[in-house]
PDB file of N, CA and C in Angstrom:
ATOM      1  N   MET A   1     -49.556  -5.571  -5.512  1.00  0.00           N
ATOM      2  CA  MET A   1     -50.423  -6.577  -5.131  1.00  0.00           C
ATOM      3  C   MET A   1     -50.572  -7.775  -5.761  1.00  0.00           C
ATOM      4  N   THR A   2     -50.623  -8.596  -6.273  1.00  0.00           N
ATOM      5  CA  THR A   2     -51.948  -9.748  -6.996  1.00  0.00           C
ATOM      6  C   THR A   2     -52.250 -10.505  -6.098  1.00  0.00           C
ATOM      7  N   LEU A   3     -54.029 -10.376  -6.117  1.00  0.00           N
ATOM      8  CA  LEU A   3     -54.948 -11.514  -5.285  1.00  0.00           C
ATOM      9  C   LEU A   3     -55.496 -11.937  -6.743  1.00  0.00           C
ATOM     10  N   LYS A   4     -55.693 -13.574  -5.620  1.00  0.00           N
ATOM     11  CA  LYS A   4     -56.182 -14.694  -6.369  1.00  0.00           C
ATOM     12  C   LYS A   4     -58.053 -14.162  -6.831  1.00  0.00           C
ATOM     13  N   LEU A   5     -58.670 -14.432  -7.742  1.00  0.00           N
ATOM     14  CA  LEU A   5     -59.826 -14.367  -7.603  1.00  0.00           C
ATOM     15  C   LEU A   5     -60.284 -15.811  -7.647  1.00  0.00           C
ATOM     16  N   ALA A   6     -61.961 -15.773  -7.773  1.00  0.00           N
ATOM     17  CA  ALA A   6     -62.523 -16.621  -7.549  1.00  0.00           C
ATOM     18  C   ALA A   6     -63.133 -17.374  -8.541  1.00  0.00           C
ATOM     19  N   LYS A   7     -62.680 -19.021  -8.836  1.00  0.00           N
ATOM     20  CA  LYS A   7     -63.213 -19.707 -10.288  1.00  0.00           C
ATOM     21  C   LYS A   7     -64.090 -19.956 -10.026  1.00  0.00           C
ATOM     22  N   HIS A   8     -65.012 -19.494 -11.047  1.00  0.00           N
ATOM     23  CA  HIS A   8     -66.684 -20.048 -11.695  1.00  0.00           C
ATOM     24  C   HIS A   8     -67.003 -21.123 -11.862  1.00  0.00           C
ATOM     25  N   ASP A   9     -65.850 -22.296 -12.057  1.00  0.00           N
ATOM     26  CA  ASP A   9     -66.478 -23.153 -12.455  1.00  0.00           C
ATOM     27  C   ASP A   9     -64.422 -24.081 -11.834  1.00  0.00           C
ATOM     28  N   VAL A  10     -65.044 -25.526 -11.140  1.00  0.00           N
ATOM     29  CA  VAL A  10     -64.365 -26.250 -10.642  1.00  0.00           C
ATOM     30  C   VAL A  10     -62.948 -26.219 -11.906  1.00  0.00           C
ATOM     31  N   ASN A  11     -62.901 -26.508 -12.953  1.00  0.00           N
ATOM     32  CA  ASN A  11     -61.812 -26.936 -13.296  1.00  0.00           C
ATOM     33  C   ASN A  11     -61.133 -25.781 -14.442  1.00  0.00           C
ATOM     34  N   ALA A  12     -61.933 -24.780 -14.051  1.00  0.00           N
ATOM     35  CA  ALA A  12     -61.377 -23.547 -14.757  1.00  0.00           C
ATOM     36  C   ALA A  12     -59.537 -23.310 -13.873  1.00  0.00           C
ATOM     37  N   ARG A  13     -58.832 -22.870 -15.313  1.00  0.00           N
ATOM     38  CA  ARG A  13     -57.688 -21.722 -13.903  1.00  0.00           C
ATOM     39  C   ARG A  13     -57.927 -20.874 -13.398  1.00  0.00           C
ATOM     40  N   GLN A  14     -57.152 -20.939 -12.259  1.00  0.00           N
ATOM     41  CA  GLN A  14     -56.740 -19.810 -11.857  1.00  0.00           C
ATOM     42  C   GLN A  14     -56.264 -18.532 -11.658  1.00  0.00           C
ATOM     43  N   LYS A  15     -56.806 -17.189 -11.684  1.00  0.00           N
ATOM     44  CA  LYS A  15     -56.983 -16.066 -12.526  1.00  0.00           C
ATOM     45  C   LYS A  15     -56.547 -14.642 -11.448  1.00  0.00           C
ATOM     46  N   THR A  16     -56.013 -14.478 -11.929  1.00  0.00           N
ATOM     47  CA  THR A  16     -55.623 -13.095 -10.891  1.00  0.00           C
ATOM     48  C   THR A  16     -55.580 -11.625 -11.437  1.00  0.00           C
ATOM     49  N   ILE A  17     -55.564 -11.048 -10.803  1.00  0.00           N
ATOM     50  CA  ILE A  17     -55.765  -9.612 -10.296  1.00  0.00           C
ATOM     51  C   ILE A  17     -54.934  -8.754  -9.890  1.00  0.00           C
ATOM     52  N   THR A  18     -54.569  -7.586  -9.573  1.00  0.00           N
ATOM     53  CA  THR A  18     -53.801  -6.758  -9.125  1.00  0.00           C
ATOM     54  C   THR A  18     -54.653  -5.263  -9.032  1.00  0.00           C
ATOM     55  N   LEU A  19     -53.602  -4.898  -7.972  1.00  0.00           N
ATOM     56  CA  LEU A  19     -53.962  -3.734  -7.232  1.00  0.00           C
ATOM     57  C   LEU A  19     -54.892  -2.031  -8.421  1.00  0.00           C
ATOM     58  N   GLU A  20     -53.882  -2.224  -9.360  1.00  0.00           N
ATOM     59  CA  GLU A  20     -53.932  -1.290 -10.218  1.00  0.00           C
ATOM     60  C   GLU A  20     -55.072  -2.031 -11.140  1.00  0.00           C
ATOM     61  N   ASP A  21     -55.098  -2.704 -11.090  1.00  0.00           N
ATOM     62  CA  ASP A  21     -55.863  -3.454 -13.041  1.00  0.00           C
ATOM     63  C   ASP A  21     -57.982  -3.055 -12.139  1.00  0.00           C
ATOM     64  N   ILE A  22     -57.633  -3.367 -10.408  1.00  0.00           N
ATOM     65  CA  ILE A  22     -58.238  -3.232  -9.591  1.00  0.00           C
ATOM     66  C   ILE A  22     -59.464  -1.650  -9.995  1.00  0.00           C
ATOM     67  N   GLU A  23     -57.921  -0.602  -9.921  1.00  0.00           N
ATOM     68  CA  GLU A  23     -58.153   0.594  -9.905  1.00  0.00           C
ATOM     69  C   GLU A  23     -59.229   1.403 -11.213  1.00  0.00           C
ATOM     70  N   LYS A  24     -58.749   0.080 -12.661  1.00  0.00           N
ATOM     71  CA  LYS A  24     -59.236   1.056 -13.606  1.00  0.00           C
ATOM     72  C   LYS A  24     -60.116   1.021 -13.242  1.00  0.00           C
ATOM     73  N   ILE A  25     -60.750  -0.635 -13.436  1.00  0.00           N
ATOM     74  CA  ILE A  25     -62.086  -1.296 -13.250  1.00  0.00           C
ATOM     75  C   ILE A  25     -63.184  -0.085 -12.112  1.00  0.00           C
ATOM     76  N   MET A  26     -62.846   0.285 -11.274  1.00  0.00           N
ATOM     77  CA  MET A  26     -63.152   1.186 -10.571  1.00  0.00           C
ATOM     78  C   MET A  26     -63.614   2.807 -11.820  1.00  0.00           C
ATOM     79  N   GLU A  27     -62.513   3.127 -12.256  1.00  0.00           N
ATOM     80  CA  GLU A  27     -62.628   3.944 -12.719  1.00  0.00           C
ATOM     81  C   GLU A  27     -63.825   4.559 -13.638  1.00  0.00           C
ATOM     82  N   LYS A  28     -64.079   3.427 -13.884  1.00  0.00           N
ATOM     83  CA  LYS A  28     -65.394   3.159 -15.151  1.00  0.00           C
ATOM     84  C   LYS A  28     -66.149   2.598 -14.632  1.00  0.00           C
ATOM     85  N   GLU A  29     -66.193   2.037 -13.772  1.00  0.00           N
ATOM     86  CA  GLU A  29     -67.395   1.606 -13.377  1.00  0.00           C
ATOM     87  C   GLU A  29     -68.207   1.633 -12.049  1.00  0.00           C
ATOM     88  N   GLY A  30     -67.301   2.465 -10.836  1.00  0.00           N
ATOM     89  CA  GLY A  30     -67.911   2.888  -9.890  1.00  0.00           C
ATOM     90  C   GLY A  30     -67.837   2.538  -8.736  1.00  0.00           C
ATOM     91  N   GLN A  31     -68.367   1.073  -8.892  1.00  0.00           N
ATOM     92  CA  GLN A  31     -68.700   0.600  -7.993  1.00  0.00           C
ATOM     93  C   GLN A  31     -69.044  -1.341  -8.426  1.00  0.00           C
ATOM     94  N   LYS A  32     -68.277  -1.725  -7.664  1.00  0.00           N
ATOM     95  CA  LYS A  32     -68.058  -3.278  -8.072  1.00  0.00           C
ATOM     96  C   LYS A  32     -67.977  -4.568  -6.773  1.00  0.00           C
ATOM     97  N   ILE A  33     -68.602  -5.611  -7.403  1.00  0.00           N
ATOM     98  CA  ILE A  33     -67.977  -6.626  -6.359  1.00  0.00           C
ATOM     99  C   ILE A  33     -67.275  -7.798  -6.850  1.00  0.00           C
ATOM    100  N   PHE A  34     -66.160  -8.231  -5.880  1.00  0.00           N
ATOM    101  CA  PHE A  34     -65.058  -9.106  -6.477  1.00  0.00           C
ATOM    102  C   PHE A  34     -65.336 -10.077  -5.866  1.00  0.00           C
ATOM    103  N   TYR A  35     -64.914 -11.444  -6.362  1.00  0.00           N
ATOM    104  CA  TYR A  35     -65.096 -12.212  -5.406  1.00  0.00           C
ATOM    105  C   TYR A  35     -63.264 -13.109  -5.492  1.00  0.00           C
ATOM    106  N   PHE A  36     -63.280 -13.004  -4.554  1.00  0.00           N
ATOM    107  CA  PHE A  36     -61.848 -13.606  -4.028  1.00  0.00           C
ATOM    108  C   PHE A  36     -61.584 -14.970  -3.605  1.00  0.00           C
ATOM    109  N   ASP A  37     -59.980 -15.852  -4.086  1.00  0.00           N
ATOM    110  CA  ASP A  37     -59.869 -17.095  -3.548  1.00  0.00           C
ATOM    111  C   ASP A  37     -59.769 -17.151  -2.143  1.00  0.00           C
ATOM    112  N   HIS A  38     -59.972 -17.988  -1.515  1.00  0.00           N
ATOM    113  CA  HIS A  38     -59.624 -18.280  -0.035  1.00  0.00           C
ATOM    114  C   HIS A  38     -58.112 -18.550   0.546  1.00  0.00           C
ATOM    115  N   ASP A  39     -57.402 -19.050  -0.592  1.00  0.00           N
ATOM    116  CA  ASP A  39     -56.190 -19.326  -0.450  1.00  0.00           C
ATOM    117  C   ASP A  39     -54.849 -17.508  -0.286  1.00  0.00           C
ATOM    118  N   ASN A  40     -55.891 -16.211  -0.554  1.00  0.00           N
ATOM    119  CA  ASN A  40     -55.111 -15.241  -0.004  1.00  0.00           C
ATOM    120  C   ASN A  40     -54.698 -15.200   1.041  1.00  0.00           C
ATOM    121  N   ALA A  41     -54.180 -14.153   1.567  1.00  0.00           N
ATOM    122  CA  ALA A  41     -54.062 -13.216   2.770  1.00  0.00           C
ATOM    123  C   ALA A  41     -55.098 -13.068   2.749  1.00  0.00           C
ATOM    124  N   HIS A  42     -55.455 -12.708   4.601  1.00  0.00           N
ATOM    125  CA  HIS A  42     -56.433 -12.357   5.163  1.00  0.00           C
ATOM    126  C   HIS A  42     -55.273 -10.825   5.019  1.00  0.00           C
ATOM    127  N   LYS A  43     -54.845 -10.869   5.689  1.00  0.00           N
ATOM    128  CA  LYS A  43     -53.625  -9.245   5.135  1.00  0.00           C
ATOM    129  C   LYS A  43     -54.066  -8.785   4.152  1.00  0.00           C
ATOM    130  N   ASP A  44     -54.063  -9.176   3.315  1.00  0.00           N
ATOM    131  CA  ASP A  44     -53.969  -8.247   1.758  1.00  0.00           C
ATOM    132  C   ASP A  44     -55.920  -7.415   1.797  1.00  0.00           C
ATOM    133  N   LEU A  45     -55.585  -8.463   2.156  1.00  0.00           N
ATOM    134  CA  LEU A  45     -57.440  -8.579   1.476  1.00  0.00           C
ATOM    135  C   LEU A  45     -57.884  -7.019   2.231  1.00  0.00           C
ATOM    136  N   VAL A  46     -57.421  -7.024   3.856  1.00  0.00           N
ATOM    137  CA  VAL A  46     -57.354  -5.449   4.539  1.00  0.00           C
ATOM    138  C   VAL A  46     -56.369  -4.532   3.985  1.00  0.00           C
ATOM    139  N   ALA A  47     -56.159  -4.703   3.539  1.00  0.00           N
ATOM    140  CA  ALA A  47     -54.907  -4.030   2.069  1.00  0.00           C
ATOM    141  C   ALA A  47     -55.730  -3.851   1.426  1.00  0.00           C
ATOM    142  N   LEU A  48     -56.279  -4.233   0.829  1.00  0.00           N
ATOM    143  CA  LEU A  48     -57.300  -3.415  -0.530  1.00  0.00           C
ATOM    144  C   LEU A  48     -58.678  -3.356   0.236  1.00  0.00           C
ATOM    145  N   VAL A  49     -58.997  -3.173   1.088  1.00  0.00           N
ATOM    146  CA  VAL A  49     -59.902  -2.649   1.954  1.00  0.00           C
ATOM    147  C   VAL A  49     -59.637  -1.639   2.612  1.00  0.00           C
ATOM    148  N   GLU A  50     -58.585  -0.775   3.381  1.00  0.00           N
ATOM    149  CA  GLU A  50     -57.643  -0.141   3.181  1.00  0.00           C
ATOM    150  C   GLU A  50     -57.354   0.953   2.329  1.00  0.00           C
ATOM    151  N   HIS A  51     -57.081   0.643   1.109  1.00  0.00           N
ATOM    152  CA  HIS A  51     -56.166   1.210   0.162  1.00  0.00           C
ATOM    153  C   HIS A  51     -57.150   1.766  -0.745  1.00  0.00           C
ATOM    154  N   PHE A  52     -58.225   1.173  -0.774  1.00  0.00           N
ATOM    155  CA  PHE A  52     -59.743   2.142  -1.020  1.00  0.00           C
ATOM    156  C   PHE A  52     -60.853   3.216  -0.385  1.00  0.00           C
ATOM    157  N   GLU A  53     -60.763   2.955   0.335  1.00  0.00           N
ATOM    158  CA  GLU A  53     -60.705   3.860   2.084  1.00  0.00           C
ATOM    159  C   GLU A  53     -60.508   5.157   2.167  1.00  0.00           C
ATOM    160  N   GLU A  54     -59.508   5.128   1.801  1.00  0.00           N
ATOM    161  CA  GLU A  54     -58.300   6.280   1.164  1.00  0.00           C
ATOM    162  C   GLU A  54     -58.455   7.272   0.426  1.00  0.00           C
ATOM    163  N   LYS A  55     -59.017   6.429  -0.480  1.00  0.00           N
ATOM    164  CA  LYS A  55     -59.073   6.846  -1.889  1.00  0.00           C
ATOM    165  C   LYS A  55     -61.054   7.885  -1.203  1.00  0.00           C
ATOM    166  N   GLY A  56     -61.373   7.448  -0.902  1.00  0.00           N
ATOM    167  CA  GLY A  56     -62.631   7.746  -0.744  1.00  0.00           C
ATOM    168  C   GLY A  56     -63.797   6.883  -1.187  1.00  0.00           C
ATOM    169  N   TYR A  57     -64.162   5.251  -1.636  1.00  0.00           N
ATOM    170  CA  TYR A  57     -65.118   3.911  -0.909  1.00  0.00           C
ATOM    171  C   TYR A  57     -65.283   3.742  -0.294  1.00  0.00           C
ATOM    172  N   SER A  58     -66.171   3.291  -0.714  1.00  0.00           N
ATOM    173  CA  SER A  58     -66.865   2.351   0.785  1.00  0.00           C
ATOM    174  C   SER A  58     -66.702   1.110   0.272  1.00  0.00           C
ATOM    175  N   VAL A  59     -65.826  -0.257   1.084  1.00  0.00           N
ATOM    176  CA  VAL A  59     -65.639  -1.272   1.294  1.00  0.00           C
ATOM    177  C   VAL A  59     -65.987  -1.884   2.492  1.00  0.00           C
ATOM    178  N   TYR A  60     -66.469  -3.047   1.532  1.00  0.00           N
ATOM    179  CA  TYR A  60     -67.153  -4.536   2.180  1.00  0.00           C
ATOM    180  C   TYR A  60     -66.888  -5.458   1.902  1.00  0.00           C
ATOM    181  N   LEU A  61     -66.234  -6.194   3.121  1.00  0.00           N
ATOM    182  CA  LEU A  61     -65.399  -7.215   3.193  1.00  0.00           C
ATOM    183  C   LEU A  61     -65.747  -8.647   3.866  1.00  0.00           C
ATOM    184  N   ARG A  62     -66.179  -9.380   3.561  1.00  0.00           N
ATOM    185  CA  ARG A  62     -67.081 -10.334   4.073  1.00  0.00           C
ATOM    186  C   ARG A  62     -66.518 -12.293   3.701  1.00  0.00           C
ATOM    187  N   GLU A  63     -66.663 -12.696   4.518  1.00  0.00           N
ATOM    188  CA  GLU A  63     -66.061 -14.524   4.203  1.00  0.00           C
ATOM    189  C   GLU A  63     -68.043 -14.559   3.523  1.00  0.00           C
ATOM    190  N   VAL A  64     -67.613 -16.122   2.827  1.00  0.00           N
ATOM    191  CA  VAL A  64     -68.830 -16.676   1.861  1.00  0.00           C
ATOM    192  C   VAL A  64     -69.053 -17.977   2.311  1.00  0.00           C
ATOM    193  N   LYS A  65     -69.597 -18.235   2.723  1.00  0.00           N
ATOM    194  CA  LYS A  65     -69.527 -20.316   2.635  1.00  0.00           C
ATOM    195  C   LYS A  65     -70.129 -20.817   2.230  1.00  0.00           C
ATOM    196  N   TYR A  66     -69.758 -21.413   1.331  1.00  0.00           N
ATOM    197  CA  TYR A  66     -70.494 -22.199   0.422  1.00  0.00           C
ATOM    198  C   TYR A  66     -70.799 -23.800  -0.129  1.00  0.00           C
ATOM    199  N   GLY A  67     -70.376 -24.342   1.016  1.00  0.00           N
ATOM    200  CA  GLY A  67     -70.092 -25.889   1.820  1.00  0.00           C
ATOM    201  C   GLY A  67     -70.247 -25.775   3.436  1.00  0.00           C
ATOM    202  N   LEU A  68     -70.156 -27.349   3.194  1.00  0.00           N
ATOM    203  CA  LEU A  68     -69.969 -27.574   5.012  1.00  0.00           C
ATOM    204  C   LEU A  68     -68.954 -27.859   5.272  1.00  0.00           C
ATOM    205  N   ASP A  69     -67.193 -28.108   4.350  1.00  0.00           N
ATOM    206  CA  ASP A  69     -66.231 -28.010   5.057  1.00  0.00           C
ATOM    207  C   ASP A  69     -65.808 -27.023   5.264  1.00  0.00           C
ATOM    208  N   GLU A  70     -64.339 -27.010   6.693  1.00  0.00           N
ATOM    209  CA  GLU A  70     -63.867 -25.065   7.058  1.00  0.00           C
ATOM    210  C   GLU A  70     -63.551 -25.139   5.367  1.00  0.00           C
ATOM    211  N   ASN A  71     -62.804 -24.710   4.853  1.00  0.00           N
ATOM    212  CA  ASN A  71     -62.794 -25.013   3.511  1.00  0.00           C
ATOM    213  C   ASN A  71     -62.997 -24.193   1.904  1.00  0.00           C
ATOM    214  N   ASP A  72     -64.282 -24.194   2.497  1.00  0.00           N
ATOM    215  CA  ASP A  72     -65.418 -24.216   1.244  1.00  0.00           C
ATOM    216  C   ASP A  72     -65.870 -22.396   1.657  1.00  0.00           C
ATOM    217  N   TYR A  73     -65.113 -21.992   1.696  1.00  0.00           N
ATOM    218  CA  TYR A  73     -65.331 -20.172   1.347  1.00  0.00           C
ATOM    219  C   TYR A  73     -64.889 -19.430  -0.281  1.00  0.00           C
ATOM    220  N   LEU A  74     -65.195 -18.065   0.408  1.00  0.00           N
ATOM    221  CA  LEU A  74     -64.196 -17.471  -0.492  1.00  0.00           C
ATOM    222  C   LEU A  74     -64.291 -16.200   0.173  1.00  0.00           C
ATOM    223  N   TYR A  75     -63.974 -14.777  -0.312  1.00  0.00           N
ATOM    224  CA  TYR A  75     -63.937 -13.662   0.516  1.00  0.00           C
ATOM    225  C   TYR A  75     -64.597 -12.871  -0.913  1.00  0.00           C
ATOM    226  N   GLU A  76     -65.968 -11.884  -0.460  1.00  0.00           N
ATOM    227  CA  GLU A  76     -66.403 -10.753  -0.958  1.00  0.00           C
ATOM    228  C   GLU A  76     -66.096  -9.792  -0.784  1.00  0.00           C
ATOM    229  N   VAL A  77     -65.678  -9.125  -2.172  1.00  0.00           N
ATOM    230  CA  VAL A  77     -65.402  -7.261  -1.789  1.00  0.00           C
ATOM    231  C   VAL A  77     -65.977  -6.691  -2.698  1.00  0.00           C
ATOM    232  N   HIS A  78     -66.929  -5.214  -1.600  1.00  0.00           N
ATOM    233  CA  HIS A  78     -67.848  -4.959  -2.472  1.00  0.00           C
ATOM    234  C   HIS A  78     -67.490  -3.566  -2.199  1.00  0.00           C
ATOM    235  N   ILE A  79     -67.014  -2.644  -3.656  1.00  0.00           N
ATOM    236  CA  ILE A  79     -66.631  -1.508  -3.040  1.00  0.00           C
ATOM    237  C   ILE A  79     -67.418  -0.736  -3.991  1.00  0.00           C
ATOM    238  N   LEU A  80     -68.246   0.543  -3.859  1.00  0.00           N
ATOM    239  CA  LEU A  80     -69.417   1.485  -3.669  1.00  0.00           C
ATOM    240  C   LEU A  80     -68.796   2.760  -3.947  1.00  0.00           C
TER     241      LEU A  80
END
């Protein structure tokens, strides 16, 4: 599964991350907050949450609105 990360700058290129990359990061750090672009399918993020919950992690998923427009949001996933 490949997910799009949220951009840090409007002019930045869209970066992606795979489930395997996230697993490697979690093995090293133990906890991490990821910010994903709103173009990702909600069902893919729910699948990500379920995957890490099965591995024994606590995972929190929420939408973060940063503007007044309906599409001005991103997903925050906190894995502990």
